[in-house]
Amino acid sequence: MGRIRPKTTSLHPGLSRAKQLGFFGIGLVVAGLVTACTDHQNVPRAAATVNLVNSSGSIGVAELSEDSQGLVSLTVTVSGLPTGTHGIHFHAIGSAQPTDSPAFNSSGAHYNPASHQHGLNNPLGTHAGDLPNLIVDSQGKGTLITTTNRITLSDGPMTLFDSDGSSLIIHANADDQVTDPTGNSGGRIAGGVVVRK
């Protein structure tokens, strides 16, 4: 009785096994290059952080990153703030002193290099530093996750790292996103300087 040989299959019957393996190898290399290029696009080209403080000390942190298309992602995490809705904005000067009178006054006005009016819903706006409101829950904790293309962390006319830097300031009241120059967001209750990573 003769031996039974295992049946073999071929991806392409007209090509030798060596050629098929060669094409398979080329395919893996191309796939690897595509993946590498895709991954490279997701690497932030600039990043920054903000240590947020109030008159009692540290209350949270903000993390920023800028992608290869110039879009800046912002994540703010806080605790120990009054419950409610709070305006939050980038301000024009890299100073954030709770001991100022009034508090955080040295941070200057909203970051506004294009000289627009204030408010995400203002037809004559928006300040480069304007952001959605920060909502704080009954335990005093709040998180804001958003993106903006009105600022950059890399060099350029809208960079937060101009000659006098920038800060991130949290206000006592909600920002109505229309009223110039501050959205009726009230006094400044917390803030921090934007620092390169």
Protein backbone atom coordinates (compact mmCIF):
# COMPACT_ATOMS: atom_id res chain seq x y z
CA MET A 1 0.00 0.00 0.00
CA GLY A 2 1.52 3.38 -1.02
CA ARG A 3 2.01 6.38 1.24
CA ILE A 4 -0.66 9.06 1.36
CA ARG A 5 0.93 12.40 0.69
CA PRO A 6 -0.58 15.43 2.46
CA LYS A 7 -2.51 17.68 0.16
CA THR A 8 -0.97 21.12 -0.35
CA THR A 9 -2.77 24.24 -1.43
CA SER A 10 -1.38 27.16 -3.32
CA LEU A 11 -2.45 30.80 -3.08
CA HIS A 12 -1.80 31.14 -6.78
CA PRO A 13 -1.36 27.89 -8.74
CA GLY A 14 0.66 29.60 -11.48
CA LEU A 15 3.45 30.79 -9.14
CA SER A 16 6.16 28.76 -7.48
CA ARG A 17 6.12 28.51 -3.67
CA ALA A 18 9.28 30.64 -3.46
CA LYS A 19 7.69 33.46 -5.47
CA GLN A 20 4.53 33.29 -3.37
CA LEU A 21 6.56 33.56 -0.17
CA GLY A 22 8.48 36.47 -1.68
CA PHE A 23 5.30 38.38 -2.48
CA PHE A 24 3.97 37.59 1.00
CA GLY A 25 7.14 39.05 2.54
CA ILE A 26 6.84 42.22 0.43
CA GLY A 27 3.23 42.56 1.57
CA LEU A 28 4.28 42.39 5.22
CA VAL A 29 6.92 45.07 4.69
CA VAL A 30 4.43 47.40 2.97
CA ALA A 31 1.85 46.83 5.72
CA GLY A 32 4.50 47.61 8.32
CA LEU A 33 5.44 50.86 6.57
CA VAL A 34 1.80 51.94 6.36
CA THR A 35 1.32 51.20 10.06
CA ALA A 36 4.50 53.08 10.96
CA CYS A 37 3.38 56.14 8.95
CA THR A 38 -0.06 56.06 10.57
CA ASP A 39 1.42 55.77 14.06
CA HIS A 40 3.81 58.64 13.31
CA GLN A 41 0.86 60.93 12.50
CA ASN A 42 -0.57 60.29 15.98
CA VAL A 43 2.58 61.37 17.82
CA PRO A 44 2.03 64.80 19.44
CA ARG A 45 4.37 67.44 18.06
CA ALA A 46 4.10 69.54 21.25
CA ALA A 47 2.74 69.12 24.77
CA ALA A 48 2.21 71.21 27.89
CA THR A 49 0.84 70.99 31.40
CA VAL A 50 -0.78 73.33 33.93
CA ASN A 51 -0.71 72.89 37.71
CA LEU A 52 -3.97 74.50 38.82
CA VAL A 53 -4.09 76.19 42.24
CA ASN A 54 -6.42 78.30 44.33
CA SER A 55 -5.89 80.11 47.62
CA SER A 56 -5.80 76.74 49.47
CA GLY A 57 -3.20 75.07 47.22
CA SER A 58 -3.24 72.62 44.32
CA ILE A 59 -6.70 71.74 43.02
CA GLY A 60 -5.95 69.93 39.78
CA VAL A 61 -4.09 69.71 36.51
CA ALA A 62 -4.58 70.42 32.83
CA GLU A 63 -2.81 68.44 30.10
CA LEU A 64 -2.41 69.75 26.55
CA SER A 65 -1.09 68.16 23.37
CA GLU A 66 -0.92 69.37 19.78
CA ASP A 67 -1.21 66.91 16.91
CA SER A 68 0.45 67.03 13.50
CA GLN A 69 -2.52 68.96 12.08
CA GLY A 70 -2.24 71.72 14.69
CA LEU A 71 -5.28 70.64 16.75
CA VAL A 72 -4.76 71.07 20.49
CA SER A 73 -6.41 68.61 22.89
CA LEU A 74 -7.09 69.76 26.45
CA THR A 75 -8.03 67.69 29.50
CA VAL A 76 -8.74 69.52 32.76
CA THR A 77 -9.26 67.59 36.01
CA VAL A 78 -10.06 69.44 39.24
CA SER A 79 -11.33 68.83 42.76
CA GLY A 80 -12.22 71.07 45.69
CA LEU A 81 -14.03 73.72 43.65
CA PRO A 82 -17.54 75.10 44.25
CA THR A 83 -20.33 73.04 42.70
CA GLY A 84 -21.69 74.49 39.48
CA THR A 85 -20.67 75.73 36.05
CA HIS A 86 -17.48 77.74 35.68
CA GLY A 87 -15.96 79.74 32.86
CA ILE A 88 -12.43 78.68 31.97
CA HIS A 89 -10.09 80.46 29.58
CA PHE A 90 -6.50 80.81 28.50
CA HIS A 91 -5.21 84.20 29.62
CA ALA A 92 -2.58 86.38 27.99
CA ILE A 93 0.20 86.34 30.60
CA GLY A 94 2.08 83.42 32.11
CA SER A 95 1.36 84.33 35.72
CA ALA A 96 -1.22 82.80 38.07
CA GLN A 97 -1.02 84.16 41.61
CA PRO A 98 -3.90 83.52 44.02
CA THR A 99 -2.35 86.21 46.27
CA ASP A 100 -2.90 88.94 43.65
CA SER A 101 -5.53 91.55 44.50
CA PRO A 102 -7.92 90.62 43.00
CA ALA A 103 -6.87 86.97 42.76
CA PHE A 104 -5.03 85.95 39.57
CA ASN A 105 -5.15 89.53 38.27
CA SER A 106 -1.57 89.26 36.96
CA SER A 107 -2.68 86.71 34.34
CA GLY A 108 -4.07 89.59 32.27
CA ALA A 109 -7.03 89.45 29.90
CA HIS A 110 -8.15 86.47 27.82
CA TYR A 111 -5.61 85.29 25.27
CA ASN A 112 -6.74 87.16 22.16
CA PRO A 113 -3.95 87.81 19.63
CA ALA A 114 -6.46 88.23 16.77
CA SER A 115 -8.37 90.99 18.67
CA HIS A 116 -11.79 89.30 18.42
CA GLN A 117 -14.72 89.68 20.81
CA HIS A 118 -15.46 87.08 23.46
CA GLY A 119 -17.60 83.96 23.32
CA LEU A 120 -17.95 80.69 21.45
CA ASN A 121 -21.44 81.84 20.39
CA ASN A 122 -20.55 85.45 19.64
CA PRO A 123 -20.79 86.25 15.89
CA LEU A 124 -17.96 88.76 16.41
CA GLY A 125 -15.89 86.27 18.47
CA THR A 126 -14.05 84.21 19.40
CA HIS A 127 -11.05 84.88 21.65
CA ALA A 128 -8.30 82.37 20.96
CA GLY A 129 -8.42 81.50 24.67
CA ASP A 130 -12.16 80.86 24.90
CA LEU A 131 -13.24 77.36 25.98
CA PRO A 132 -16.44 75.48 26.90
CA ASN A 133 -17.54 75.73 30.53
CA LEU A 134 -16.16 73.47 33.24
CA ILE A 135 -18.88 71.67 35.22
CA VAL A 136 -18.12 70.77 38.87
CA ASP A 137 -20.26 68.16 40.63
CA SER A 138 -21.61 68.11 44.19
CA GLN A 139 -18.34 66.57 45.44
CA GLY A 140 -16.35 69.48 44.01
CA LYS A 141 -14.91 67.43 41.15
CA GLY A 142 -14.91 68.42 37.52
CA THR A 143 -13.46 67.34 34.17
CA LEU A 144 -13.33 69.18 30.87
CA ILE A 145 -12.16 67.40 27.71
CA THR A 146 -12.12 69.49 24.56
CA THR A 147 -10.11 70.44 21.47
CA THR A 148 -9.31 73.79 19.87
CA ASN A 149 -7.61 75.02 16.72
CA ARG A 150 -7.45 78.63 17.93
CA ILE A 151 -4.20 78.17 19.85
CA THR A 152 -0.95 76.28 19.30
CA LEU A 153 1.77 74.89 21.53
CA SER A 154 4.29 75.01 18.71
CA ASP A 155 5.75 78.27 17.39
CA GLY A 156 3.53 80.61 15.41
CA PRO A 157 1.23 83.64 15.71
CA MET A 158 -1.26 81.81 17.99
CA THR A 159 1.22 80.07 20.27
CA LEU A 160 0.62 80.05 24.02
CA PHE A 161 4.40 80.34 24.40
CA ASP A 162 4.83 83.91 23.21
CA SER A 163 7.22 86.34 24.93
CA ASP A 164 5.21 86.55 28.18
CA GLY A 165 3.67 83.05 28.19
CA SER A 166 0.06 82.17 29.02
CA SER A 167 -2.07 80.88 31.86
CA LEU A 168 -5.29 78.91 32.33
CA ILE A 169 -7.84 80.54 34.64
CA ILE A 170 -11.08 79.20 36.16
CA HIS A 171 -13.84 81.69 37.01
CA ALA A 172 -16.52 81.75 39.71
CA ASN A 173 -19.53 81.78 37.37
CA ALA A 174 -20.66 80.23 34.11
CA ASP A 175 -19.49 81.82 30.87
CA ASP A 176 -22.51 82.89 28.80
CA GLN A 177 -20.31 82.53 25.66
CA VAL A 178 -21.59 85.80 24.20
CA THR A 179 -20.89 88.84 26.39
CA ASP A 180 -17.67 90.69 25.66
CA PRO A 181 -15.07 90.66 27.20
CA THR A 182 -15.48 87.80 29.74
CA GLY A 183 -18.89 86.18 29.27
CA ASN A 184 -20.04 87.47 32.69
CA SER A 185 -18.01 84.65 34.24
CA GLY A 186 -17.18 86.56 37.41
CA GLY A 187 -14.06 86.54 39.56
CA ARG A 188 -11.04 84.30 39.11
CA ILE A 189 -10.97 81.41 41.59
CA ALA A 190 -8.19 79.14 40.32
CA GLY A 191 -5.47 79.03 37.71
CA GLY A 192 -2.00 78.02 36.65
CA VAL A 193 0.78 78.80 34.19
CA VAL A 194 1.02 76.83 30.94
CA VAL A 195 4.39 75.01 30.98
CA ARG A 196 6.07 73.14 28.12
CA LYS A 197 6.62 69.40 28.57
